[in-house]
Amino acid sequence: MAARSRNSGAVSSRVPGGPVQVAPPGFVPAAEQQRILAEVLSGVELGAWDQRMVGWLAGWDAATVLTIASWIVRARGTGLVR
């Protein structure tokens, strides 16, 4: 199941939509990883340091970035995130 964002429709189909049991497979270029992170963070006010960290995180391996993106999407879906 692909994760979804409130603002932009479908988030990359590579972002797991539920609990991650094994590392998401495959390679995702850093530029696409940065786009994925920006999409899942859409609507969240980011400061300069936040933006720097998004860029830094986008340089990590795809499994890490996709798992963190999945956490963000799922946390937003709980309604507990303010």
PDB file of N, CA and C in Angstrom:
ATOM      1  N   MET A   1       0.845  -1.170   0.000  1.00  0.00           N
ATOM      2  CA  MET A   1       0.000   0.000   0.000  1.00  0.00           C
ATOM      3  C   MET A   1       0.890   1.231   0.000  1.00  0.00           C
ATOM      4  N   ALA A   2       0.643   2.172  -0.854  1.00  0.00           N
ATOM      5  CA  ALA A   2       1.418   3.409  -0.922  1.00  0.00           C
ATOM      6  C   ALA A   2       0.905   4.395   0.110  1.00  0.00           C
ATOM      7  N   ALA A   3       1.818   5.137   0.666  1.00  0.00           N
ATOM      8  CA  ALA A   3       1.443   6.177   1.620  1.00  0.00           C
ATOM      9  C   ALA A   3       0.840   7.349   0.865  1.00  0.00           C
ATOM     10  N   ARG A   4       0.009   8.140   1.555  1.00  0.00           N
ATOM     11  CA  ARG A   4      -0.615   9.301   0.925  1.00  0.00           C
ATOM     12  C   ARG A   4      -0.384  10.529   1.786  1.00  0.00           C
ATOM     13  N   SER A   5      -0.326  11.649   1.138  1.00  0.00           N
ATOM     14  CA  SER A   5      -0.169  12.934   1.808  1.00  0.00           C
ATOM     15  C   SER A   5      -1.439  13.739   1.623  1.00  0.00           C
ATOM     16  N   ARG A   6      -1.800  14.531   2.619  1.00  0.00           N
ATOM     17  CA  ARG A   6      -3.023  15.335   2.529  1.00  0.00           C
ATOM     18  C   ARG A   6      -2.963  16.340   1.400  1.00  0.00           C
ATOM     19  N   ASN A   7      -1.797  16.909   1.144  1.00  0.00           N
ATOM     20  CA  ASN A   7      -1.717  18.032   0.231  1.00  0.00           C
ATOM     21  C   ASN A   7      -1.425  17.669  -1.208  1.00  0.00           C
ATOM     22  N   SER A   8      -0.716  16.585  -1.454  1.00  0.00           N
ATOM     23  CA  SER A   8      -0.204  16.383  -2.800  1.00  0.00           C
ATOM     24  C   SER A   8      -0.672  15.099  -3.465  1.00  0.00           C
ATOM     25  N   GLY A   9      -1.641  14.421  -2.889  1.00  0.00           N
ATOM     26  CA  GLY A   9      -2.062  13.177  -3.507  1.00  0.00           C
ATOM     27  C   GLY A   9      -1.117  12.065  -3.116  1.00  0.00           C
ATOM     28  N   ALA A  10      -0.777  11.233  -4.067  1.00  0.00           N
ATOM     29  CA  ALA A  10       0.054  10.072  -3.766  1.00  0.00           C
ATOM     30  C   ALA A  10       1.493  10.469  -3.482  1.00  0.00           C
ATOM     31  N   VAL A  11       1.990   9.992  -2.371  1.00  0.00           N
ATOM     32  CA  VAL A  11       3.412  10.070  -2.077  1.00  0.00           C
ATOM     33  C   VAL A  11       4.035   8.939  -2.875  1.00  0.00           C
ATOM     34  N   SER A  12       5.306   9.027  -3.121  1.00  0.00           N
ATOM     35  CA  SER A  12       5.990   7.992  -3.882  1.00  0.00           C
ATOM     36  C   SER A  12       5.506   6.603  -3.471  1.00  0.00           C
ATOM     37  N   SER A  13       5.256   5.778  -4.450  1.00  0.00           N
ATOM     38  CA  SER A  13       4.806   4.410  -4.168  1.00  0.00           C
ATOM     39  C   SER A  13       5.897   3.619  -3.448  1.00  0.00           C
ATOM     40  N   ARG A  14       7.079   4.163  -3.369  1.00  0.00           N
ATOM     41  CA  ARG A  14       8.176   3.489  -2.661  1.00  0.00           C
ATOM     42  C   ARG A  14       8.070   3.640  -1.151  1.00  0.00           C
ATOM     43  N   VAL A  15       7.290   4.596  -0.664  1.00  0.00           N
ATOM     44  CA  VAL A  15       7.162   4.825   0.778  1.00  0.00           C
ATOM     45  C   VAL A  15       6.176   3.807   1.346  1.00  0.00           C
ATOM     46  N   PRO A  16       6.644   2.959   2.271  1.00  0.00           N
ATOM     47  CA  PRO A  16       5.730   1.976   2.856  1.00  0.00           C
ATOM     48  C   PRO A  16       4.567   2.661   3.565  1.00  0.00           C
ATOM     49  N   GLY A  17       3.374   2.121   3.397  1.00  0.00           N
ATOM     50  CA  GLY A  17       2.183   2.709   3.989  1.00  0.00           C
ATOM     51  C   GLY A  17       1.799   2.114   5.324  1.00  0.00           C
ATOM     52  N   GLY A  18       2.545   1.127   5.777  1.00  0.00           N
ATOM     53  CA  GLY A  18       2.252   0.486   7.050  1.00  0.00           C
ATOM     54  C   GLY A  18       3.538   0.090   7.735  1.00  0.00           C
ATOM     55  N   PRO A  19       3.442  -0.669   8.812  1.00  0.00           N
ATOM     56  CA  PRO A  19       4.638  -1.082   9.540  1.00  0.00           C
ATOM     57  C   PRO A  19       5.657  -1.748   8.607  1.00  0.00           C
ATOM     58  N   VAL A  20       6.910  -1.385   8.790  1.00  0.00           N
ATOM     59  CA  VAL A  20       7.988  -1.883   7.932  1.00  0.00           C
ATOM     60  C   VAL A  20       8.620  -3.093   8.619  1.00  0.00           C
ATOM     61  N   GLN A  21       8.510  -4.249   7.977  1.00  0.00           N
ATOM     62  CA  GLN A  21       9.031  -5.485   8.551  1.00  0.00           C
ATOM     63  C   GLN A  21      10.438  -5.822   8.062  1.00  0.00           C
ATOM     64  N   VAL A  22      10.764  -5.394   6.844  1.00  0.00           N
ATOM     65  CA  VAL A  22      12.097  -5.602   6.267  1.00  0.00           C
ATOM     66  C   VAL A  22      12.497  -4.313   5.552  1.00  0.00           C
ATOM     67  N   ALA A  23      13.785  -4.132   5.337  1.00  0.00           N
ATOM     68  CA  ALA A  23      14.268  -2.919   4.684  1.00  0.00           C
ATOM     69  C   ALA A  23      13.647  -2.763   3.306  1.00  0.00           C
ATOM     70  N   PRO A  24      13.110  -1.580   2.993  1.00  0.00           N
ATOM     71  CA  PRO A  24      12.585  -1.347   1.645  1.00  0.00           C
ATOM     72  C   PRO A  24      13.709  -1.548   0.618  1.00  0.00           C
ATOM     73  N   PRO A  25      13.449  -2.278  -0.458  1.00  0.00           N
ATOM     74  CA  PRO A  25      14.499  -2.594  -1.421  1.00  0.00           C
ATOM     75  C   PRO A  25      14.737  -1.484  -2.438  1.00  0.00           C
ATOM     76  N   GLY A  26      15.871  -1.564  -3.084  1.00  0.00           N
ATOM     77  CA  GLY A  26      16.136  -0.723  -4.233  1.00  0.00           C
ATOM     78  C   GLY A  26      16.948   0.518  -3.936  1.00  0.00           C
ATOM     79  N   PHE A  27      17.316   1.185  -5.004  1.00  0.00           N
ATOM     80  CA  PHE A  27      18.087   2.427  -4.961  1.00  0.00           C
ATOM     81  C   PHE A  27      17.172   3.583  -5.324  1.00  0.00           C
ATOM     82  N   VAL A  28      17.290   4.669  -4.586  1.00  0.00           N
ATOM     83  CA  VAL A  28      16.549   5.890  -4.890  1.00  0.00           C
ATOM     84  C   VAL A  28      17.581   7.018  -4.901  1.00  0.00           C
ATOM     85  N   PRO A  29      17.712   7.738  -6.013  1.00  0.00           N
ATOM     86  CA  PRO A  29      18.678   8.835  -6.066  1.00  0.00           C
ATOM     87  C   PRO A  29      18.411   9.883  -4.981  1.00  0.00           C
ATOM     88  N   ALA A  30      19.471  10.532  -4.515  1.00  0.00           N
ATOM     89  CA  ALA A  30      19.349  11.522  -3.438  1.00  0.00           C
ATOM     90  C   ALA A  30      18.341  12.610  -3.770  1.00  0.00           C
ATOM     91  N   ALA A  31      18.317  13.064  -5.018  1.00  0.00           N
ATOM     92  CA  ALA A  31      17.366  14.124  -5.394  1.00  0.00           C
ATOM     93  C   ALA A  31      15.922  13.647  -5.218  1.00  0.00           C
ATOM     94  N   GLU A  32      15.648  12.404  -5.566  1.00  0.00           N
ATOM     95  CA  GLU A  32      14.292  11.870  -5.386  1.00  0.00           C
ATOM     96  C   GLU A  32      13.990  11.671  -3.908  1.00  0.00           C
ATOM     97  N   GLN A  33      14.982  11.236  -3.151  1.00  0.00           N
ATOM     98  CA  GLN A  33      14.778  11.075  -1.705  1.00  0.00           C
ATOM     99  C   GLN A  33      14.459  12.425  -1.068  1.00  0.00           C
ATOM    100  N   GLN A  34      15.133  13.481  -1.510  1.00  0.00           N
ATOM    101  CA  GLN A  34      14.855  14.809  -0.976  1.00  0.00           C
ATOM    102  C   GLN A  34      13.433  15.235  -1.347  1.00  0.00           C
ATOM    103  N   ARG A  35      12.991  14.909  -2.564  1.00  0.00           N
ATOM    104  CA  ARG A  35      11.629  15.226  -2.985  1.00  0.00           C
ATOM    105  C   ARG A  35      10.606  14.464  -2.137  1.00  0.00           C
ATOM    106  N   ILE A  36      10.882  13.192  -1.870  1.00  0.00           N
ATOM    107  CA  ILE A  36       9.986  12.376  -1.047  1.00  0.00           C
ATOM    108  C   ILE A  36       9.863  12.986   0.352  1.00  0.00           C
ATOM    109  N   LEU A  37      11.005  13.338   0.939  1.00  0.00           N
ATOM    110  CA  LEU A  37      10.974  13.929   2.279  1.00  0.00           C
ATOM    111  C   LEU A  37      10.226  15.258   2.273  1.00  0.00           C
ATOM    112  N   ALA A  38      10.466  16.083   1.269  1.00  0.00           N
ATOM    113  CA  ALA A  38       9.751  17.359   1.174  1.00  0.00           C
ATOM    114  C   ALA A  38       8.253  17.122   1.065  1.00  0.00           C
ATOM    115  N   GLU A  39       7.870  16.104   0.323  1.00  0.00           N
ATOM    116  CA  GLU A  39       6.443  15.808   0.133  1.00  0.00           C
ATOM    117  C   GLU A  39       5.795  15.345   1.432  1.00  0.00           C
ATOM    118  N   VAL A  40       6.452  14.448   2.164  1.00  0.00           N
ATOM    119  CA  VAL A  40       5.837  13.962   3.401  1.00  0.00           C
ATOM    120  C   VAL A  40       5.853  15.025   4.494  1.00  0.00           C
ATOM    121  N   LEU A  41       6.746  16.013   4.367  1.00  0.00           N
ATOM    122  CA  LEU A  41       6.804  17.116   5.324  1.00  0.00           C
ATOM    123  C   LEU A  41       5.994  18.335   4.873  1.00  0.00           C
ATOM    124  N   SER A  42       5.290  18.209   3.766  1.00  0.00           N
ATOM    125  CA  SER A  42       4.478  19.301   3.245  1.00  0.00           C
ATOM    126  C   SER A  42       3.538  19.819   4.329  1.00  0.00           C
ATOM    127  N   GLY A  43       3.513  21.132   4.486  1.00  0.00           N
ATOM    128  CA  GLY A  43       2.647  21.735   5.497  1.00  0.00           C
ATOM    129  C   GLY A  43       3.324  21.918   6.841  1.00  0.00           C
ATOM    130  N   VAL A  44       4.519  21.361   7.014  1.00  0.00           N
ATOM    131  CA  VAL A  44       5.272  21.509   8.255  1.00  0.00           C
ATOM    132  C   VAL A  44       6.238  22.674   8.072  1.00  0.00           C
ATOM    133  N   GLU A  45       6.174  23.642   8.958  1.00  0.00           N
ATOM    134  CA  GLU A  45       7.088  24.774   8.867  1.00  0.00           C
ATOM    135  C   GLU A  45       8.495  24.305   9.215  1.00  0.00           C
ATOM    136  N   LEU A  46       9.436  24.522   8.294  1.00  0.00           N
ATOM    137  CA  LEU A  46      10.811  24.093   8.496  1.00  0.00           C
ATOM    138  C   LEU A  46      11.727  25.303   8.585  1.00  0.00           C
ATOM    139  N   GLY A  47      12.591  25.308   9.581  1.00  0.00           N
ATOM    140  CA  GLY A  47      13.610  26.334   9.706  1.00  0.00           C
ATOM    141  C   GLY A  47      14.820  25.963   8.860  1.00  0.00           C
ATOM    142  N   ALA A  48      15.807  26.831   8.869  1.00  0.00           N
ATOM    143  CA  ALA A  48      17.017  26.598   8.081  1.00  0.00           C
ATOM    144  C   ALA A  48      17.712  25.298   8.478  1.00  0.00           C
ATOM    145  N   TRP A  49      17.785  25.027   9.780  1.00  0.00           N
ATOM    146  CA  TRP A  49      18.427  23.786  10.232  1.00  0.00           C
ATOM    147  C   TRP A  49      17.598  22.572   9.817  1.00  0.00           C
ATOM    148  N   ASP A  50      16.295  22.675   9.941  1.00  0.00           N
ATOM    149  CA  ASP A  50      15.425  21.582   9.505  1.00  0.00           C
ATOM    150  C   ASP A  50      15.685  21.255   8.036  1.00  0.00           C
ATOM    151  N   GLN A  51      15.737  22.292   7.208  1.00  0.00           N
ATOM    152  CA  GLN A  51      15.961  22.085   5.775  1.00  0.00           C
ATOM    153  C   GLN A  51      17.327  21.466   5.517  1.00  0.00           C
ATOM    154  N   ARG A  52      18.310  21.907   6.274  1.00  0.00           N
ATOM    155  CA  ARG A  52      19.649  21.311   6.132  1.00  0.00           C
ATOM    156  C   ARG A  52      19.608  19.831   6.488  1.00  0.00           C
ATOM    157  N   MET A  53      18.868  19.479   7.522  1.00  0.00           N
ATOM    158  CA  MET A  53      18.769  18.078   7.931  1.00  0.00           C
ATOM    159  C   MET A  53      18.020  17.234   6.900  1.00  0.00           C
ATOM    160  N   VAL A  54      17.024  17.807   6.243  1.00  0.00           N
ATOM    161  CA  VAL A  54      16.334  17.095   5.158  1.00  0.00           C
ATOM    162  C   VAL A  54      17.336  16.769   4.055  1.00  0.00           C
ATOM    163  N   GLY A  55      18.163  17.746   3.685  1.00  0.00           N
ATOM    164  CA  GLY A  55      19.182  17.516   2.664  1.00  0.00           C
ATOM    165  C   GLY A  55      20.193  16.468   3.099  1.00  0.00           C
ATOM    166  N   TRP A  56      20.597  16.526   4.349  1.00  0.00           N
ATOM    167  CA  TRP A  56      21.549  15.546   4.891  1.00  0.00           C
ATOM    168  C   TRP A  56      20.934  14.147   4.894  1.00  0.00           C
ATOM    169  N   LEU A  57      19.703  14.059   5.375  1.00  0.00           N
ATOM    170  CA  LEU A  57      19.025  12.771   5.441  1.00  0.00           C
ATOM    171  C   LEU A  57      18.826  12.176   4.048  1.00  0.00           C
ATOM    172  N   ALA A  58      18.571  13.010   3.067  1.00  0.00           N
ATOM    173  CA  ALA A  58      18.356  12.533   1.698  1.00  0.00           C
ATOM    174  C   ALA A  58      19.589  11.842   1.130  1.00  0.00           C
ATOM    175  N   GLY A  59      20.745  12.060   1.732  1.00  0.00           N
ATOM    176  CA  GLY A  59      21.969  11.404   1.294  1.00  0.00           C
ATOM    177  C   GLY A  59      22.186  10.024   1.893  1.00  0.00           C
ATOM    178  N   TRP A  60      21.336   9.632   2.803  1.00  0.00           N
ATOM    179  CA  TRP A  60      21.450   8.303   3.408  1.00  0.00           C
ATOM    180  C   TRP A  60      20.929   7.250   2.438  1.00  0.00           C
ATOM    181  N   ASP A  61      21.047   6.000   2.809  1.00  0.00           N
ATOM    182  CA  ASP A  61      20.559   4.912   1.959  1.00  0.00           C
ATOM    183  C   ASP A  61      19.041   4.952   1.862  1.00  0.00           C
ATOM    184  N   ALA A  62      18.536   4.415   0.759  1.00  0.00           N
ATOM    185  CA  ALA A  62      17.095   4.468   0.478  1.00  0.00           C
ATOM    186  C   ALA A  62      16.266   3.801   1.571  1.00  0.00           C
ATOM    187  N   ALA A  63      16.732   2.678   2.101  1.00  0.00           N
ATOM    188  CA  ALA A  63      15.953   1.976   3.122  1.00  0.00           C
ATOM    189  C   ALA A  63      15.720   2.861   4.346  1.00  0.00           C
ATOM    190  N   THR A  64      16.737   3.616   4.751  1.00  0.00           N
ATOM    191  CA  THR A  64      16.608   4.514   5.892  1.00  0.00           C
ATOM    192  C   THR A  64      15.640   5.649   5.587  1.00  0.00           C
ATOM    193  N   VAL A  65      15.833   6.302   4.453  1.00  0.00           N
ATOM    194  CA  VAL A  65      14.988   7.446   4.084  1.00  0.00           C
ATOM    195  C   VAL A  65      13.533   7.017   3.922  1.00  0.00           C
ATOM    196  N   LEU A  66      13.293   5.910   3.252  1.00  0.00           N
ATOM    197  CA  LEU A  66      11.915   5.462   3.022  1.00  0.00           C
ATOM    198  C   LEU A  66      11.236   5.055   4.326  1.00  0.00           C
ATOM    199  N   THR A  67      11.990   4.461   5.244  1.00  0.00           N
ATOM    200  CA  THR A  67      11.417   4.082   6.532  1.00  0.00           C
ATOM    201  C   THR A  67      11.048   5.322   7.337  1.00  0.00           C
ATOM    202  N   ILE A  68      11.929   6.309   7.368  1.00  0.00           N
ATOM    203  CA  ILE A  68      11.629   7.548   8.098  1.00  0.00           C
ATOM    204  C   ILE A  68      10.454   8.278   7.453  1.00  0.00           C
ATOM    205  N   ALA A  69      10.403   8.320   6.132  1.00  0.00           N
ATOM    206  CA  ALA A  69       9.255   8.934   5.443  1.00  0.00           C
ATOM    207  C   ALA A  69       7.968   8.210   5.822  1.00  0.00           C
ATOM    208  N   SER A  70       8.030   6.900   5.915  1.00  0.00           N
ATOM    209  CA  SER A  70       6.860   6.117   6.302  1.00  0.00           C
ATOM    210  C   SER A  70       6.417   6.472   7.719  1.00  0.00           C
ATOM    211  N   TRP A  71       7.370   6.644   8.629  1.00  0.00           N
ATOM    212  CA  TRP A  71       7.021   7.042  10.001  1.00  0.00           C
ATOM    213  C   TRP A  71       6.285   8.376  10.001  1.00  0.00           C
ATOM    214  N   ILE A  72       6.785   9.332   9.209  1.00  0.00           N
ATOM    215  CA  ILE A  72       6.179  10.659   9.169  1.00  0.00           C
ATOM    216  C   ILE A  72       4.738  10.568   8.673  1.00  0.00           C
ATOM    217  N   VAL A  73       4.544   9.842   7.573  1.00  0.00           N
ATOM    218  CA  VAL A  73       3.203   9.699   6.999  1.00  0.00           C
ATOM    219  C   VAL A  73       2.275   9.018   7.992  1.00  0.00           C
ATOM    220  N   ARG A  74       2.744   7.948   8.615  1.00  0.00           N
ATOM    221  CA  ARG A  74       1.889   7.216   9.553  1.00  0.00           C
ATOM    222  C   ARG A  74       1.613   8.021  10.810  1.00  0.00           C
ATOM    223  N   ALA A  75       2.599   8.792  11.297  1.00  0.00           N
ATOM    224  CA  ALA A  75       2.386   9.624  12.488  1.00  0.00           C
ATOM    225  C   ALA A  75       1.341  10.702  12.195  1.00  0.00           C
ATOM    226  N   ARG A  76       1.410  11.278  11.005  1.00  0.00           N
ATOM    227  CA  ARG A  76       0.424  12.293  10.639  1.00  0.00           C
ATOM    228  C   ARG A  76      -0.975  11.694  10.591  1.00  0.00           C
ATOM    229  N   GLY A  77      -1.074  10.449  10.195  1.00  0.00           N
ATOM    230  CA  GLY A  77      -2.371   9.784  10.083  1.00  0.00           C
ATOM    231  C   GLY A  77      -3.015   9.458  11.413  1.00  0.00           C
ATOM    232  N   THR A  78      -2.247   9.485  12.506  1.00  0.00           N
ATOM    233  CA  THR A  78      -2.818   9.159  13.812  1.00  0.00           C
ATOM    234  C   THR A  78      -3.650  10.288  14.401  1.00  0.00           C
ATOM    235  N   GLY A  79      -3.389  11.515  13.914  1.00  0.00           N
ATOM    236  CA  GLY A  79      -4.078  12.667  14.478  1.00  0.00           C
ATOM    237  C   GLY A  79      -3.449  13.148  15.765  1.00  0.00           C
ATOM    238  N   LEU A  80      -2.422  12.466  16.253  1.00  0.00           N
ATOM    239  CA  LEU A  80      -1.776  12.854  17.493  1.00  0.00           C
ATOM    240  C   LEU A  80      -0.683  13.892  17.284  1.00  0.00           C
ATOM    241  N   VAL A  81      -0.206  14.035  16.061  1.00  0.00           N
ATOM    242  CA  VAL A  81       0.822  15.004  15.750  1.00  0.00           C
ATOM    243  C   VAL A  81       0.181  16.369  15.601  1.00  0.00           C
ATOM    244  N   ARG A  82       0.745  17.374  16.255  1.00  0.00           N
ATOM    245  CA  ARG A  82       0.164  18.722  16.185  1.00  0.00           C
ATOM    246  C   ARG A  82       0.955  19.579  15.253  1.00  0.00           C
TER     247      ARG A  82
END
